[in-house]
C-alpha atoms as a PDB file:
ATOM      1  CA  MET A   1      24.036  11.981 -13.092  1.00  0.00           C
ATOM      2  CA  SER A   2      21.697   9.173 -14.149  1.00  0.00           C
ATOM      3  CA  ASN A   3      18.250   8.863 -12.636  1.00  0.00           C
ATOM      4  CA  PRO A   4      17.882   6.268  -9.854  1.00  0.00           C
ATOM      5  CA  ALA A   5      16.313   2.935 -10.769  1.00  0.00           C
ATOM      6  CA  PRO A   6      12.554   2.822 -10.157  1.00  0.00           C
ATOM      7  CA  VAL A   7      11.251   1.155  -7.024  1.00  0.00           C
ATOM      8  CA  ILE A   8       8.574  -0.540  -9.115  1.00  0.00           C
ATOM      9  CA  ALA A   9       8.319  -1.010 -12.861  1.00  0.00           C
ATOM     10  CA  LEU A  10       5.302  -2.544 -14.591  1.00  0.00           C
ATOM     11  CA  ARG A  11       5.762  -3.549 -18.202  1.00  0.00           C
ATOM     12  CA  ASN A  12       2.847  -4.635 -20.380  1.00  0.00           C
ATOM     13  CA  LEU A  13       0.917  -5.931 -17.371  1.00  0.00           C
ATOM     14  CA  GLU A  14      -2.277  -7.765 -18.307  1.00  0.00           C
ATOM     15  CA  ARG A  15      -4.976  -9.599 -16.381  1.00  0.00           C
ATOM     16  CA  SER A  16      -8.090 -11.282 -17.727  1.00  0.00           C
ATOM     17  CA  PHE A  17     -10.910 -13.290 -16.201  1.00  0.00           C
ATOM     18  CA  GLU A  18     -13.218 -15.837 -17.759  1.00  0.00           C
ATOM     19  CA  GLN A  19     -16.911 -15.705 -16.888  1.00  0.00           C
ATOM     20  CA  GLY A  20     -18.576 -18.548 -18.724  1.00  0.00           C
ATOM     21  CA  ASP A  21     -17.894 -17.919 -22.405  1.00  0.00           C
ATOM     22  CA  VAL A  22     -17.026 -14.273 -21.796  1.00  0.00           C
ATOM     23  CA  ARG A  23     -13.452 -12.996 -21.371  1.00  0.00           C
ATOM     24  CA  ILE A  24     -13.088  -9.842 -19.312  1.00  0.00           C
ATOM     25  CA  ASP A  25      -9.876  -7.880 -19.781  1.00  0.00           C
ATOM     26  CA  VAL A  26      -9.284  -6.004 -16.524  1.00  0.00           C
ATOM     27  CA  LEU A  27      -5.714  -4.809 -17.200  1.00  0.00           C
ATOM     28  CA  ARG A  28      -4.624  -4.263 -20.789  1.00  0.00           C
ATOM     29  CA  GLY A  29      -0.938  -3.558 -21.201  1.00  0.00           C
ATOM     30  CA  VAL A  30      -0.253  -1.378 -18.158  1.00  0.00           C
ATOM     31  CA  ASN A  31       3.142   0.336 -18.075  1.00  0.00           C
ATOM     32  CA  LEU A  32       4.219   2.361 -15.048  1.00  0.00           C
ATOM     33  CA  GLU A  33       7.383   3.282 -13.171  1.00  0.00           C
ATOM     34  CA  ILE A  34       7.579   4.872  -9.715  1.00  0.00           C
ATOM     35  CA  ALA A  35      10.786   6.549  -8.581  1.00  0.00           C
ATOM     36  CA  PRO A  36      12.217   6.210  -5.064  1.00  0.00           C
ATOM     37  CA  GLY A  37      10.347   8.513  -2.696  1.00  0.00           C
ATOM     38  CA  GLU A  38       7.632   9.371  -5.240  1.00  0.00           C
ATOM     39  CA  ILE A  39       3.980   9.333  -4.155  1.00  0.00           C
ATOM     40  CA  VAL A  40       1.658   8.485  -7.045  1.00  0.00           C
ATOM     41  CA  ALA A  41      -2.131   8.623  -7.050  1.00  0.00           C
ATOM     42  CA  LEU A  42      -3.839   5.928  -9.110  1.00  0.00           C
ATOM     43  CA  LEU A  43      -7.089   7.585 -10.072  1.00  0.00           C
ATOM     44  CA  GLY A  44     -10.087   5.878 -11.594  1.00  0.00           C
ATOM     45  CA  PRO A  45     -13.757   5.062 -10.985  1.00  0.00           C
ATOM     46  CA  SER A  46     -14.928   1.882  -9.302  1.00  0.00           C
ATOM     47  CA  GLY A  47     -14.450  -1.062 -11.645  1.00  0.00           C
ATOM     48  CA  SER A  48     -11.559   0.512 -13.556  1.00  0.00           C
ATOM     49  CA  GLY A  49      -9.085  -2.128 -12.350  1.00  0.00           C
ATOM     50  CA  LYS A  50      -7.323  -0.199  -9.562  1.00  0.00           C
ATOM     51  CA  SER A  51      -7.611  -2.935  -6.954  1.00  0.00           C
ATOM     52  CA  THR A  52      -6.580  -5.606  -9.458  1.00  0.00           C
ATOM     53  CA  MET A  53      -3.520  -3.553 -10.328  1.00  0.00           C
ATOM     54  CA  LEU A  54      -2.577  -3.183  -6.662  1.00  0.00           C
ATOM     55  CA  GLN A  55      -3.014  -6.931  -6.191  1.00  0.00           C
ATOM     56  CA  ALA A  56      -0.509  -7.414  -9.007  1.00  0.00           C
ATOM     57  CA  VAL A  57       1.992  -4.873  -7.691  1.00  0.00           C
ATOM     58  CA  GLY A  58       1.661  -6.390  -4.224  1.00  0.00           C
ATOM     59  CA  LEU A  59       2.497  -9.861  -5.559  1.00  0.00           C
ATOM     60  CA  LEU A  60      -0.633 -11.125  -3.851  1.00  0.00           C
ATOM     61  CA  GLU A  61      -2.006 -13.350  -6.600  1.00  0.00           C
ATOM     62  CA  GLY A  62      -1.020 -14.911  -9.894  1.00  0.00           C
ATOM     63  CA  GLY A  63      -2.690 -14.992 -13.286  1.00  0.00           C
ATOM     64  CA  PHE A  64      -0.944 -11.907 -14.630  1.00  0.00           C
ATOM     65  CA  SER A  65       1.137 -11.614 -17.758  1.00  0.00           C
ATOM     66  CA  GLY A  66       3.850  -9.035 -18.303  1.00  0.00           C
ATOM     67  CA  GLN A  67       6.684  -8.019 -16.015  1.00  0.00           C
ATOM     68  CA  ILE A  68       6.686  -6.699 -12.450  1.00  0.00           C
ATOM     69  CA  GLU A  69      10.083  -5.521 -11.274  1.00  0.00           C
ATOM     70  CA  LEU A  70      10.237  -4.622  -7.587  1.00  0.00           C
ATOM     71  CA  ALA A  71      13.395  -3.315  -5.926  1.00  0.00           C
ATOM     72  CA  GLY A  72      15.399  -4.442  -8.945  1.00  0.00           C
ATOM     73  CA  GLN A  73      14.061  -8.009  -8.946  1.00  0.00           C
ATOM     74  CA  ASP A  74      11.846  -9.531 -11.622  1.00  0.00           C
ATOM     75  CA  ALA A  75       9.004 -11.058  -9.619  1.00  0.00           C
ATOM     76  CA  SER A  76       8.029 -13.323 -12.520  1.00  0.00           C
ATOM     77  CA  THR A  77      11.245 -15.324 -11.994  1.00  0.00           C
ATOM     78  CA  LEU A  78      10.475 -16.061  -8.330  1.00  0.00           C
ATOM     79  CA  ASP A  79       8.541 -18.905  -6.765  1.00  0.00           C
ATOM     80  CA  SER A  80       5.862 -18.334  -4.135  1.00  0.00           C
ATOM     81  CA  GLY A  81       8.389 -18.223  -1.296  1.00  0.00           C
ATOM     82  CA  GLY A  82      10.561 -15.739  -3.158  1.00  0.00           C
ATOM     83  CA  ARG A  83       7.608 -13.463  -3.820  1.00  0.00           C
ATOM     84  CA  THR A  84       6.592 -13.637  -0.156  1.00  0.00           C
ATOM     85  CA  THR A  85      10.102 -12.626   0.913  1.00  0.00           C
ATOM     86  CA  LEU A  86      10.195  -9.792  -1.617  1.00  0.00           C
ATOM     87  CA  ARG A  87       6.802  -8.555  -0.471  1.00  0.00           C
ATOM     88  CA  ARG A  88       7.688  -8.764   3.214  1.00  0.00           C
ATOM     89  CA  GLU A  89      10.998  -6.941   2.812  1.00  0.00           C
ATOM     90  CA  HIS A  90       9.984  -4.158   0.433  1.00  0.00           C
ATOM     91  CA  LEU A  91       6.224  -3.534   0.599  1.00  0.00           C
ATOM     92  CA  GLY A  92       3.711  -2.080   3.036  1.00  0.00           C
ATOM     93  CA  PHE A  93      -0.063  -2.234   2.610  1.00  0.00           C
ATOM     94  CA  VAL A  94      -2.993  -0.038   3.671  1.00  0.00           C
ATOM     95  CA  TYR A  95      -6.452  -1.235   2.676  1.00  0.00           C
ATOM     96  CA  GLN A  96      -9.848   0.469   2.685  1.00  0.00           C
ATOM     97  CA  LEU A  97     -10.762  -1.838   5.574  1.00  0.00           C
ATOM     98  CA  HIS A  98      -8.051  -1.796   8.214  1.00  0.00           C
ATOM     99  CA  HIS A  99      -7.729  -5.606   8.612  1.00  0.00           C
ATOM    100  CA  LEU A 100      -6.241  -5.256  12.090  1.00  0.00           C
ATOM    101  CA  LEU A 101      -5.889  -8.363  14.246  1.00  0.00           C
ATOM    102  CA  PRO A 102      -8.844  -8.024  16.654  1.00  0.00           C
ATOM    103  CA  ASP A 103      -7.267  -9.780  19.630  1.00  0.00           C
ATOM    104  CA  PHE A 104      -4.134  -7.624  19.636  1.00  0.00           C
ATOM    105  CA  THR A 105      -3.611  -4.058  20.813  1.00  0.00           C
ATOM    106  CA  ALA A 106      -2.702  -1.168  18.549  1.00  0.00           C
ATOM    107  CA  ARG A 107       0.920  -1.506  19.619  1.00  0.00           C
ATOM    108  CA  GLU A 108       0.953  -5.264  19.017  1.00  0.00           C
ATOM    109  CA  ASN A 109      -0.558  -4.870  15.544  1.00  0.00           C
ATOM    110  CA  VAL A 110       2.393  -2.659  14.593  1.00  0.00           C
ATOM    111  CA  VAL A 111       4.980  -4.826  16.368  1.00  0.00           C
ATOM    112  CA  LEU A 112       4.051  -8.120  14.675  1.00  0.00           C
ATOM    113  CA  PRO A 113       5.181  -7.358  11.090  1.00  0.00           C
ATOM    114  CA  GLN A 114       8.521  -6.236  12.469  1.00  0.00           C
ATOM    115  CA  LEU A 115       9.011  -9.476  14.389  1.00  0.00           C
ATOM    116  CA  LEU A 116       8.433 -11.376  11.124  1.00  0.00           C
ATOM    117  CA  LEU A 117      11.498  -9.598   9.723  1.00  0.00           C
ATOM    118  CA  GLY A 118      13.583 -10.506  12.743  1.00  0.00           C
ATOM    119  CA  VAL A 119      13.479  -7.170  14.564  1.00  0.00           C
ATOM    120  CA  LYS A 120      14.051  -7.496  18.300  1.00  0.00           C
ATOM    121  CA  ARG A 121      10.839  -7.030  20.294  1.00  0.00           C
ATOM    122  CA  LYS A 122      12.214  -4.066  22.252  1.00  0.00           C
ATOM    123  CA  ASP A 123      13.135  -2.258  19.030  1.00  0.00           C
ATOM    124  CA  ALA A 124       9.834  -3.225  17.405  1.00  0.00           C
ATOM    125  CA  GLU A 125       7.868  -1.818  20.339  1.00  0.00           C
ATOM    126  CA  ALA A 126       9.869   1.426  20.236  1.00  0.00           C
ATOM    127  CA  ARG A 127       9.185   1.774  16.501  1.00  0.00           C
ATOM    128  CA  ALA A 128       5.471   1.053  17.028  1.00  0.00           C
ATOM    129  CA  GLU A 129       5.189   3.663  19.750  1.00  0.00           C
ATOM    130  CA  GLU A 130       7.066   6.201  17.618  1.00  0.00           C
ATOM    131  CA  LEU A 131       4.701   5.741  14.673  1.00  0.00           C
ATOM    132  CA  LEU A 132       1.503   5.584  16.700  1.00  0.00           C
ATOM    133  CA  SER A 133       2.500   8.710  18.624  1.00  0.00           C
ATOM    134  CA  ALA A 134       3.212  10.531  15.353  1.00  0.00           C
ATOM    135  CA  LEU A 135      -0.338   9.606  14.339  1.00  0.00           C
ATOM    136  CA  GLY A 136      -1.784  10.995  17.568  1.00  0.00           C
ATOM    137  CA  LEU A 137      -2.456   7.610  19.158  1.00  0.00           C
ATOM    138  CA  GLU A 138       0.003   7.704  22.047  1.00  0.00           C
ATOM    139  CA  HIS A 139      -2.922   7.366  24.474  1.00  0.00           C
ATOM    140  CA  ARG A 140      -4.385   4.359  22.586  1.00  0.00           C
ATOM    141  CA  LEU A 141      -1.391   2.021  22.457  1.00  0.00           C
ATOM    142  CA  ASP A 142      -2.989  -0.688  24.573  1.00  0.00           C
ATOM    143  CA  HIS A 143      -6.465  -0.500  23.062  1.00  0.00           C
ATOM    144  CA  ARG A 144      -7.786  -3.255  20.808  1.00  0.00           C
ATOM    145  CA  PRO A 145      -9.394  -2.400  17.441  1.00  0.00           C
ATOM    146  CA  SER A 146     -12.931  -2.751  18.845  1.00  0.00           C
ATOM    147  CA  GLN A 147     -12.100   0.046  21.305  1.00  0.00           C
ATOM    148  CA  LEU A 148     -10.962   2.430  18.561  1.00  0.00           C
ATOM    149  CA  SER A 149     -12.902   4.671  16.208  1.00  0.00           C
ATOM    150  CA  GLY A 150     -12.791   4.071  12.455  1.00  0.00           C
ATOM    151  CA  GLY A 151     -10.256   6.829  11.967  1.00  0.00           C
ATOM    152  CA  GLU A 152      -8.091   5.512  14.791  1.00  0.00           C
ATOM    153  CA  GLN A 153      -8.190   1.995  13.367  1.00  0.00           C
ATOM    154  CA  GLN A 154      -7.055   3.255   9.984  1.00  0.00           C
ATOM    155  CA  ARG A 155      -4.203   5.200  11.570  1.00  0.00           C
ATOM    156  CA  VAL A 156      -3.040   1.979  13.239  1.00  0.00           C
ATOM    157  CA  ALA A 157      -3.178   0.351   9.805  1.00  0.00           C
ATOM    158  CA  VAL A 158      -0.981   3.163   8.442  1.00  0.00           C
ATOM    159  CA  ALA A 159       1.529   2.631  11.250  1.00  0.00           C
ATOM    160  CA  ARG A 160       1.570  -1.098  10.567  1.00  0.00           C
ATOM    161  CA  ALA A 161       2.217  -0.511   6.849  1.00  0.00           C
ATOM    162  CA  LEU A 162       5.161   1.780   7.598  1.00  0.00           C
ATOM    163  CA  ALA A 163       6.636  -0.218  10.480  1.00  0.00           C
ATOM    164  CA  ASN A 164       9.357  -1.926   8.421  1.00  0.00           C
ATOM    165  CA  ARG A 165      10.223   1.215   6.427  1.00  0.00           C
ATOM    166  CA  PRO A 166       9.158  -0.341   3.109  1.00  0.00           C
ATOM    167  CA  GLN A 167      10.508   0.989  -0.155  1.00  0.00           C
ATOM    168  CA  LEU A 168       6.956   1.072  -1.531  1.00  0.00           C
ATOM    169  CA  VAL A 169       3.630   1.506   0.251  1.00  0.00           C
ATOM    170  CA  LEU A 170       0.460   0.365  -1.526  1.00  0.00           C
ATOM    171  CA  ALA A 171      -2.798   1.945  -0.389  1.00  0.00           C
ATOM    172  CA  ASP A 172      -6.194   0.914  -1.768  1.00  0.00           C
ATOM    173  CA  GLU A 173      -8.792   3.623  -1.066  1.00  0.00           C
ATOM    174  CA  PRO A 174      -7.198   4.082   2.389  1.00  0.00           C
ATOM    175  CA  THR A 175      -9.709   6.712   3.503  1.00  0.00           C
ATOM    176  CA  GLY A 176     -12.729   5.403   1.592  1.00  0.00           C
ATOM    177  CA  ASN A 177     -14.669   4.451   4.729  1.00  0.00           C
ATOM    178  CA  LEU A 178     -13.990   7.677   6.620  1.00  0.00           C
ATOM    179  CA  ASP A 179     -15.898  10.956   6.720  1.00  0.00           C
ATOM    180  CA  GLU A 180     -14.325  13.839   4.814  1.00  0.00           C
ATOM    181  CA  LYS A 181     -12.725  15.577   7.793  1.00  0.00           C
ATOM    182  CA  THR A 182     -11.227  12.361   9.170  1.00  0.00           C
ATOM    183  CA  ALA A 183     -10.114  11.292   5.683  1.00  0.00           C
ATOM    184  CA  ASP A 184      -8.245  14.565   5.206  1.00  0.00           C
ATOM    185  CA  ARG A 185      -6.487  14.191   8.540  1.00  0.00           C
ATOM    186  CA  VAL A 186      -5.536  10.527   8.042  1.00  0.00           C
ATOM    187  CA  LEU A 187      -4.295  11.125   4.490  1.00  0.00           C
ATOM    188  CA  GLY A 188      -2.268  14.124   5.619  1.00  0.00           C
ATOM    189  CA  GLN A 189      -0.601  12.080   8.366  1.00  0.00           C
ATOM    190  CA  PHE A 190       0.002   9.209   5.939  1.00  0.00           C
ATOM    191  CA  LEU A 191       1.680  11.474   3.366  1.00  0.00           C
ATOM    192  CA  GLU A 192       3.803  13.185   6.000  1.00  0.00           C
ATOM    193  CA  LEU A 193       5.091   9.897   7.394  1.00  0.00           C
ATOM    194  CA  VAL A 194       5.715   8.335   3.965  1.00  0.00           C
ATOM    195  CA  ARG A 195       7.663  11.406   2.834  1.00  0.00           C
ATOM    196  CA  GLY A 196       9.479  11.605   6.154  1.00  0.00           C
ATOM    197  CA  GLN A 197      10.946   8.128   5.820  1.00  0.00           C
ATOM    198  CA  GLY A 198      11.615   8.393   2.085  1.00  0.00           C
ATOM    199  CA  SER A 199       9.269   5.628   0.946  1.00  0.00           C
ATOM    200  CA  ALA A 200       7.471   5.642  -2.379  1.00  0.00           C
ATOM    201  CA  ALA A 201       3.715   5.067  -2.504  1.00  0.00           C
ATOM    202  CA  LEU A 202       1.000   4.081  -4.953  1.00  0.00           C
ATOM    203  CA  VAL A 203      -2.399   5.192  -3.663  1.00  0.00           C
ATOM    204  CA  ALA A 204      -5.565   4.050  -5.421  1.00  0.00           C
ATOM    205  CA  THR A 205      -8.455   6.472  -5.115  1.00  0.00           C
ATOM    206  CA  HIS A 206     -11.429   7.846  -6.990  1.00  0.00           C
ATOM    207  CA  ASN A 207     -11.187  11.175  -5.140  1.00  0.00           C
ATOM    208  CA  GLU A 208      -9.712  13.922  -7.323  1.00  0.00           C
ATOM    209  CA  ARG A 209      -9.223  16.260  -4.378  1.00  0.00           C
ATOM    210  CA  LEU A 210      -7.177  13.758  -2.398  1.00  0.00           C
ATOM    211  CA  ALA A 211      -5.208  12.712  -5.500  1.00  0.00           C
ATOM    212  CA  ALA A 212      -4.129  16.322  -6.048  1.00  0.00           C
ATOM    213  CA  ARG A 213      -2.154  16.212  -2.767  1.00  0.00           C
ATOM    214  CA  MET A 214       0.255  13.634  -4.185  1.00  0.00           C
ATOM    215  CA  ASP A 215       3.336  14.077  -6.373  1.00  0.00           C
ATOM    216  CA  ARG A 216       1.825  12.673  -9.557  1.00  0.00           C
ATOM    217  CA  VAL A 217      -1.544  11.422 -10.769  1.00  0.00           C
ATOM    218  CA  VAL A 218      -1.954   8.535 -13.204  1.00  0.00           C
ATOM    219  CA  ARG A 219      -5.379   7.567 -14.477  1.00  0.00           C
ATOM    220  CA  LEU A 220      -6.567   4.036 -15.080  1.00  0.00           C
ATOM    221  CA  HIS A 221      -9.261   3.866 -17.769  1.00  0.00           C
ATOM    222  CA  GLU A 222     -10.638   0.623 -19.148  1.00  0.00           C
ATOM    223  CA  GLY A 223      -7.609  -1.286 -17.939  1.00  0.00           C
ATOM    224  CA  GLN A 224      -4.993   1.070 -19.334  1.00  0.00           C
ATOM    225  CA  ILE A 225      -3.002   4.012 -18.026  1.00  0.00           C
ATOM    226  CA  ALA A 226      -4.527   6.978 -19.816  1.00  0.00           C
END
């Protein structure tokens, strides 16, 4: 039996910036494939290009050369609207800062991305409550972000990222602002939920201990996968 097609495939991905007369090569020929359901840690120190790479994989900005194939589609052949649709249908995001909508409750923050995909509100609310309860937030459904602790806010962000059952979840230092005990708990819940729904994930971190809990570790060094 042949291996399943990768969820994401990066081929010779490059990204450079110009600062005055100086050219800075942030990504230099990155090649990476992630299989369905595989959780990969992207390990590297600050400034190694991890966030830039996640921006590329997330189809969040242009200026890249090379190929990004997501869910079998070559993103380089799509216009802005096509990339937005591809991102919305196949990707989930967890950032170091939770980026929750401050005027909406925990439940509403998880409901909204589902409504954008056309999910009925009743079903979206049931899915939100299911995820938030799995993350231990069943008693915080109607609280706004300002009423939640840092760890609780990040768990809402995890629920939001998983709400539409994305094929690939991108996480950029998702526990970087949390204390060690809370980080361990949030990461454990994140991994359990991602594995439980069969999503793949690419998790950027500089923490070797947290990276070891994932299926595979790739290291980004000077803009290349080492």
